[in-house]
Amino acid sequence: MQNNPIRIGTRESQLAVWQADLVKKLLEDNGHAAELVFIKSEGDIDLVTPLYAMGVQGVFTRSLDAALLNNRIDIAVHSMKDVPVQLPQGIVQAAVLERASYKDILVYREQLTDDSITQIRQGFQSTDNQQLSSLLIATSSIRRKAQWLNRYPGSVVENLRGNVNTRLKKVEESNWHGAIFAAAGLDRINVRPQSSIDLDWMLPAPAQGAIMVVSRSGDEKILDAFAPINHADTATAVKVERDFLSALMGGCSTPISALAEVTPDHILFKGNIISPDGLQKVAVELTFGKEEANEAGTSAGQQVLEQGGREIVNAFKNAK
């Protein structure tokens, strides 16, 4: 056991603290003392501006990265989907924890009929259900907005910001039919309402459901401490997904989705890019050998670009 506790940097939201506490327990189980250090992020301070309009990557990670580089903390714990694909100079990935659910869910209100709920769960694009042609949905994610509008083009999608509990309260007090959340975030802190359904047809953000630990490069004691904690299959899957995101020149505020599932022999990959209005979509489904993990995401991204994705990327960049 090392003499000084490992200082774990975390945001102050309930979900962020839950994630940091998990890392703390894993360290302690392996004989390392640890303590939490709380850091505010820009994403926690500005709760009004839509995330995709804030014009920056790493809105939830930059303050922690700065604290890490300034030696205020030894590691930072992030929801991996919030981490830019290019880490800041001097910061490296120390571990990826085993992934929880990668799915998006719809938390719905009473005014959504049972028939509509069933059809949304199954991904039907029904022209016979009048309610499905005029849904009012909330999310802060342009990726979720794009996928929703691609399937339900008559919907109105409004902005929803704040931590998990704040967003759930806003849904209760709103006139929305529902709002979209990451399943892992609600499940981890045990606040998922019964009035929710998995959106199996909606592809997740790259690395959604995974927790990433970063440290200063060259800090061998920290890297050694996290070697037993790293989950290899999750690390492989999220690498493929983030390489796909990088190939499409995307960040956490772009309408790009990816899911890599690692089997004993293969990597099964699905990815897409959809225009923010939902009208244009380019998608791929590919199978790679596990030995192709280092090239799979980039290869999939190139295929999407060649099949029309480049036009969506360029239009999105020009519109920002």
Protein backbone atom coordinates (compact mmCIF):
# COMPACT_ATOMS: atom_id res chain seq x y z
CA MET A 1 0.00 0.00 0.00
CA GLN A 2 1.33 3.44 -0.86
CA ASN A 3 1.78 6.01 1.93
CA ASN A 4 -0.41 8.84 0.58
CA PRO A 5 -4.02 8.26 -0.48
CA ILE A 6 -4.70 8.37 -4.20
CA ARG A 7 -6.58 11.64 -4.80
CA ILE A 8 -9.60 10.95 -7.01
CA GLY A 9 -10.93 13.99 -8.85
CA THR A 10 -14.68 14.03 -9.49
CA ARG A 11 -17.52 16.35 -10.33
CA GLU A 12 -20.09 16.94 -7.58
CA SER A 13 -23.18 15.45 -9.20
CA GLN A 14 -24.68 12.35 -7.60
CA LEU A 15 -23.78 10.23 -10.62
CA ALA A 16 -20.19 11.51 -10.78
CA VAL A 17 -19.70 10.84 -7.07
CA TRP A 18 -21.16 7.34 -7.47
CA GLN A 19 -18.61 6.64 -10.20
CA ALA A 20 -15.74 8.04 -8.15
CA ASP A 21 -16.83 6.00 -5.12
CA LEU A 22 -16.79 2.87 -7.29
CA VAL A 23 -13.19 3.61 -8.32
CA LYS A 24 -12.29 4.30 -4.68
CA LYS A 25 -13.70 0.93 -3.62
CA LEU A 26 -11.86 -0.92 -6.40
CA LEU A 27 -8.61 0.72 -5.33
CA GLU A 28 -9.19 -0.10 -1.68
CA ASP A 29 -10.04 -3.70 -2.56
CA ASN A 30 -6.59 -3.86 -4.16
CA GLY A 31 -4.84 -2.40 -1.09
CA HIS A 32 -4.63 1.29 -2.04
CA ALA A 33 -5.88 4.13 0.15
CA ALA A 34 -7.92 6.74 -1.74
CA GLU A 35 -9.91 9.93 -1.17
CA LEU A 36 -12.29 12.06 -3.23
CA VAL A 37 -11.53 15.62 -4.33
CA PHE A 38 -14.47 17.62 -5.72
CA ILE A 39 -14.01 19.84 -8.79
CA LYS A 40 -16.68 21.92 -10.57
CA SER A 41 -16.93 21.71 -14.37
CA GLU A 42 -18.22 24.18 -16.96
CA GLY A 43 -20.96 21.70 -17.81
CA ASP A 44 -22.21 21.83 -14.24
CA ILE A 45 -22.14 25.64 -14.04
CA ASP A 46 -23.96 26.46 -17.31
CA LEU A 47 -27.23 24.52 -17.14
CA VAL A 48 -29.08 26.50 -19.80
CA THR A 49 -27.09 26.37 -23.05
CA PRO A 50 -27.62 23.17 -25.06
CA LEU A 51 -24.46 21.06 -24.91
CA TYR A 52 -24.05 21.05 -28.68
CA ALA A 53 -24.22 24.87 -28.73
CA MET A 54 -21.49 25.43 -26.17
CA GLY A 55 -18.92 25.11 -28.93
CA VAL A 56 -16.34 23.14 -26.97
CA GLN A 57 -15.29 19.58 -26.41
CA GLY A 58 -14.61 18.26 -22.95
CA VAL A 59 -17.11 20.57 -21.26
CA PHE A 60 -17.44 18.08 -18.39
CA THR A 61 -13.76 17.09 -18.29
CA ARG A 62 -11.58 20.18 -18.73
CA SER A 63 -11.69 21.35 -15.11
CA LEU A 64 -10.69 17.90 -13.90
CA ASP A 65 -7.94 17.69 -16.50
CA ALA A 66 -6.56 21.03 -15.32
CA ALA A 67 -6.62 19.86 -11.70
CA LEU A 68 -4.78 16.71 -12.74
CA LEU A 69 -2.08 18.58 -14.64
CA ASN A 70 -1.72 21.01 -11.71
CA ASN A 71 -1.19 18.07 -9.33
CA ARG A 72 -4.29 18.85 -7.25
CA ILE A 73 -5.46 15.28 -7.92
CA ASP A 74 -3.81 12.01 -8.98
CA ILE A 75 -6.59 10.65 -11.19
CA ALA A 76 -9.86 11.86 -12.70
CA VAL A 77 -12.97 9.76 -13.19
CA HIS A 78 -15.15 10.45 -16.22
CA SER A 79 -18.21 9.12 -17.97
CA MET A 80 -16.22 8.02 -20.99
CA LYS A 81 -18.74 9.31 -23.53
CA ASP A 82 -17.94 12.84 -22.26
CA VAL A 83 -14.19 12.51 -22.88
CA PRO A 84 -12.79 14.02 -26.12
CA VAL A 85 -11.15 11.42 -28.36
CA GLN A 86 -7.88 13.34 -28.14
CA LEU A 87 -6.70 13.49 -24.53
CA PRO A 88 -4.80 16.60 -23.41
CA GLN A 89 -1.02 16.42 -23.58
CA GLY A 90 0.32 14.93 -20.38
CA ILE A 91 -2.81 12.90 -19.61
CA VAL A 92 -3.27 9.20 -20.38
CA GLN A 93 -5.91 6.53 -19.98
CA ALA A 94 -5.21 4.56 -16.79
CA ALA A 95 -8.19 2.20 -16.93
CA VAL A 96 -11.63 1.55 -18.37
CA LEU A 97 -14.09 -0.14 -16.02
CA GLU A 98 -16.47 -2.89 -17.10
CA ARG A 99 -19.29 -1.36 -19.08
CA ALA A 100 -22.81 -1.02 -17.70
CA SER A 101 -25.83 -0.72 -20.01
CA TYR A 102 -25.00 1.21 -23.17
CA LYS A 103 -28.68 1.86 -23.99
CA ASP A 104 -30.71 5.03 -24.19
CA ILE A 105 -34.12 5.01 -22.54
CA LEU A 106 -37.29 7.07 -22.82
CA VAL A 107 -38.81 8.28 -19.56
CA TYR A 108 -42.41 8.92 -20.57
CA ARG A 109 -45.36 10.88 -19.19
CA GLU A 110 -48.96 9.82 -18.58
CA GLN A 111 -50.26 11.42 -21.77
CA LEU A 112 -48.36 8.87 -23.87
CA THR A 113 -50.80 6.04 -24.67
CA ASP A 114 -50.01 2.36 -24.12
CA ASP A 115 -50.10 1.74 -27.89
CA SER A 116 -47.63 4.56 -28.48
CA ILE A 117 -45.29 3.30 -25.75
CA THR A 118 -45.29 -0.19 -27.26
CA GLN A 119 -44.63 1.13 -30.75
CA ILE A 120 -41.82 3.42 -29.60
CA ARG A 121 -40.19 0.55 -27.69
CA GLN A 122 -40.26 -1.57 -30.83
CA GLY A 123 -39.14 1.29 -33.03
CA PHE A 124 -42.23 1.39 -35.22
CA GLN A 125 -42.59 4.35 -37.55
CA SER A 126 -46.35 4.04 -37.60
CA THR A 127 -48.37 6.28 -39.88
CA ASP A 128 -51.57 4.97 -38.24
CA ASN A 129 -50.75 6.36 -34.78
CA GLN A 130 -51.51 10.07 -34.74
CA GLN A 131 -49.68 10.58 -31.44
CA LEU A 132 -46.40 9.33 -32.94
CA SER A 133 -46.57 12.05 -35.58
CA SER A 134 -46.64 14.90 -33.07
CA LEU A 135 -44.48 13.96 -30.09
CA LEU A 136 -42.85 16.52 -27.80
CA ILE A 137 -39.56 15.08 -26.53
CA ALA A 138 -36.68 16.54 -24.50
CA THR A 139 -32.93 15.87 -24.61
CA SER A 140 -29.69 17.84 -24.50
CA SER A 141 -27.99 15.43 -26.91
CA ILE A 142 -27.88 16.25 -30.60
CA ARG A 143 -27.17 12.56 -31.29
CA ARG A 144 -30.40 11.50 -29.56
CA LYS A 145 -32.29 14.33 -31.24
CA ALA A 146 -31.06 13.30 -34.69
CA GLN A 147 -31.92 9.62 -34.19
CA TRP A 148 -35.33 10.46 -32.77
CA LEU A 149 -36.20 12.83 -35.64
CA ASN A 150 -34.98 10.25 -38.16
CA ARG A 151 -37.58 7.81 -36.82
CA TYR A 152 -40.28 10.31 -35.76
CA PRO A 153 -39.87 13.31 -38.09
CA GLY A 154 -42.99 15.09 -36.85
CA SER A 155 -41.64 15.44 -33.32
CA VAL A 156 -40.58 18.64 -31.59
CA VAL A 157 -37.39 18.15 -29.54
CA GLU A 158 -36.68 20.60 -26.72
CA ASN A 159 -33.52 21.18 -24.71
CA LEU A 160 -33.10 19.46 -21.33
CA ARG A 161 -30.08 20.26 -19.14
CA GLY A 162 -28.99 19.62 -15.57
CA ASN A 163 -27.89 16.62 -13.55
CA VAL A 164 -29.91 13.40 -13.63
CA ASN A 165 -32.21 14.30 -10.72
CA THR A 166 -32.82 17.81 -12.04
CA ARG A 167 -33.73 16.46 -15.47
CA LEU A 168 -36.11 13.86 -14.03
CA LYS A 169 -37.86 16.57 -12.02
CA LYS A 170 -38.19 18.74 -15.13
CA VAL A 171 -39.83 15.85 -16.95
CA GLU A 172 -42.40 15.47 -14.14
CA GLU A 173 -43.24 19.18 -14.29
CA SER A 174 -43.30 19.51 -18.08
CA ASN A 175 -45.83 19.06 -20.85
CA TRP A 176 -43.42 16.76 -22.75
CA HIS A 177 -44.44 13.28 -23.80
CA GLY A 178 -41.07 12.14 -22.48
CA ALA A 179 -37.32 12.67 -22.32
CA ILE A 180 -34.33 10.55 -23.31
CA PHE A 181 -31.66 9.50 -20.80
CA ALA A 182 -28.72 7.10 -20.67
CA ALA A 183 -29.84 3.95 -18.88
CA ALA A 184 -26.53 3.58 -17.04
CA GLY A 185 -26.80 6.99 -15.40
CA LEU A 186 -30.23 6.32 -13.92
CA ASP A 187 -29.53 2.70 -13.04
CA ARG A 188 -26.29 3.48 -11.21
CA ILE A 189 -27.94 5.81 -8.71
CA ASN A 190 -31.19 3.83 -8.64
CA VAL A 191 -33.49 6.58 -9.92
CA ARG A 192 -34.84 4.98 -13.09
CA PRO A 193 -38.64 5.42 -13.06
CA GLN A 194 -41.01 2.56 -13.80
CA SER A 195 -42.40 4.76 -16.57
CA SER A 196 -39.40 4.14 -18.84
CA ILE A 197 -38.53 1.89 -21.77
CA ASP A 198 -35.30 0.86 -23.45
CA LEU A 199 -34.85 2.30 -26.95
CA ASP A 200 -33.21 -0.78 -28.46
CA TRP A 201 -33.22 0.80 -31.92
CA MET A 202 -31.24 3.86 -30.82
CA LEU A 203 -27.48 3.45 -31.13
CA PRO A 204 -25.53 4.88 -28.19
CA ALA A 205 -22.86 7.53 -28.03
CA PRO A 206 -19.39 6.06 -28.44
CA ALA A 207 -18.31 4.65 -25.03
CA GLN A 208 -21.72 5.24 -23.43
CA GLY A 209 -22.04 3.24 -20.22
CA ALA A 210 -18.26 3.03 -19.67
CA ILE A 211 -16.25 4.78 -16.95
CA MET A 212 -12.76 6.03 -17.75
CA VAL A 213 -9.95 6.81 -15.33
CA VAL A 214 -7.18 9.13 -16.48
CA SER A 215 -3.85 9.97 -14.87
CA ARG A 216 -0.72 11.98 -15.60
CA SER A 217 1.50 10.33 -18.17
CA GLY A 218 4.59 8.80 -16.62
CA ASP A 219 2.97 8.25 -13.22
CA GLU A 220 3.94 4.58 -13.06
CA LYS A 221 2.66 4.02 -9.52
CA ILE A 222 -0.83 5.09 -10.55
CA LEU A 223 -0.72 3.13 -13.80
CA ASP A 224 0.41 0.02 -11.93
CA ALA A 225 -2.39 0.47 -9.38
CA PHE A 226 -4.99 0.52 -12.15
CA ALA A 227 -3.65 -2.34 -14.29
CA PRO A 228 -5.74 -4.96 -12.41
CA ILE A 229 -8.85 -2.78 -12.59
CA ASN A 230 -8.87 -2.30 -16.36
CA HIS A 231 -11.57 -4.36 -18.16
CA ALA A 232 -9.97 -5.54 -21.40
CA ASP A 233 -13.08 -6.28 -23.49
CA THR A 234 -14.70 -2.97 -22.56
CA ALA A 235 -11.46 -1.12 -23.33
CA THR A 236 -11.35 -2.80 -26.75
CA ALA A 237 -14.98 -2.00 -27.54
CA VAL A 238 -14.79 1.66 -26.58
CA LYS A 239 -11.52 2.10 -28.46
CA VAL A 240 -13.23 0.92 -31.65
CA GLU A 241 -16.17 3.24 -31.03
CA ARG A 242 -13.99 6.26 -30.29
CA ASP A 243 -11.78 5.55 -33.31
CA PHE A 244 -14.97 5.60 -35.40
CA LEU A 245 -15.89 8.95 -33.85
CA SER A 246 -12.40 10.29 -34.52
CA ALA A 247 -12.48 9.12 -38.15
CA LEU A 248 -15.66 11.14 -38.63
CA MET A 249 -13.99 14.14 -36.96
CA GLY A 250 -16.62 14.15 -34.25
CA GLY A 251 -16.79 15.05 -30.59
CA CYS A 252 -19.28 14.41 -27.82
CA SER A 253 -21.63 17.06 -29.30
CA THR A 254 -22.01 15.59 -32.79
CA PRO A 255 -24.77 13.29 -34.14
CA ILE A 256 -22.52 10.21 -34.35
CA SER A 257 -23.41 6.88 -32.77
CA ALA A 258 -21.42 3.66 -32.40
CA LEU A 259 -21.58 0.29 -30.68
CA ALA A 260 -18.88 -2.37 -30.69
CA GLU A 261 -19.60 -5.71 -29.03
CA VAL A 262 -16.66 -8.01 -28.32
CA THR A 263 -17.19 -11.77 -28.62
CA PRO A 264 -14.54 -14.48 -28.08
CA ASP A 265 -13.62 -14.33 -31.78
CA HIS A 266 -15.03 -11.15 -33.29
CA ILE A 267 -15.95 -7.51 -32.88
CA LEU A 268 -19.50 -6.78 -34.02
CA PHE A 269 -19.82 -3.11 -34.95
CA LYS A 270 -22.73 -0.79 -35.73
CA GLY A 271 -22.29 2.90 -36.41
CA ASN A 272 -24.09 5.83 -37.99
CA ILE A 273 -24.12 9.54 -38.56
CA ILE A 274 -27.41 11.40 -38.94
CA SER A 275 -28.00 15.02 -39.86
CA PRO A 276 -29.32 17.07 -36.91
CA ASP A 277 -32.74 17.37 -38.56
CA GLY A 278 -32.91 13.58 -38.91
CA LEU A 279 -33.36 13.67 -42.68
CA GLN A 280 -30.03 12.15 -43.77
CA LYS A 281 -28.49 8.99 -42.38
CA VAL A 282 -25.50 6.83 -43.26
CA ALA A 283 -25.06 3.61 -41.29
CA VAL A 284 -22.83 0.53 -41.33
CA GLU A 285 -22.91 -2.92 -39.71
CA LEU A 286 -19.58 -4.74 -39.85
CA THR A 287 -17.77 -7.70 -38.33
CA PHE A 288 -14.06 -7.60 -37.57
CA GLY A 289 -11.63 -10.12 -36.18
CA LYS A 290 -10.39 -9.30 -32.69
CA GLU A 291 -6.91 -8.91 -34.13
CA GLU A 292 -8.30 -5.97 -36.17
CA ALA A 293 -9.28 -3.94 -33.09
CA ASN A 294 -6.69 -1.23 -33.70
CA GLU A 295 -7.98 -0.52 -37.21
CA ALA A 296 -11.67 -1.45 -36.98
CA GLY A 297 -13.13 1.89 -35.88
CA THR A 298 -11.12 3.91 -38.38
CA SER A 299 -12.05 1.50 -41.18
CA ALA A 300 -15.75 1.74 -40.30
CA GLY A 301 -15.53 5.52 -40.19
CA GLN A 302 -13.93 5.67 -43.61
CA GLN A 303 -16.72 3.54 -45.05
CA VAL A 304 -19.33 5.91 -43.63
CA LEU A 305 -17.50 8.93 -45.06
CA GLU A 306 -17.32 7.30 -48.50
CA GLN A 307 -21.01 6.35 -48.44
CA GLY A 308 -22.24 9.92 -47.93
CA GLY A 309 -21.23 10.65 -44.37
CA ARG A 310 -18.71 13.28 -45.44
CA GLU A 311 -21.53 15.50 -46.71
CA ILE A 312 -23.33 15.26 -43.36
CA VAL A 313 -20.10 16.03 -41.47
CA ASN A 314 -19.36 19.05 -43.66
CA ALA A 315 -22.90 20.40 -43.42
CA PHE A 316 -22.84 20.04 -39.63
CA LYS A 317 -19.46 21.79 -39.31
CA ASN A 318 -20.56 24.65 -41.59
CA ALA A 319 -23.78 25.15 -39.62
CA LYS A 320 -22.03 25.54 -36.25
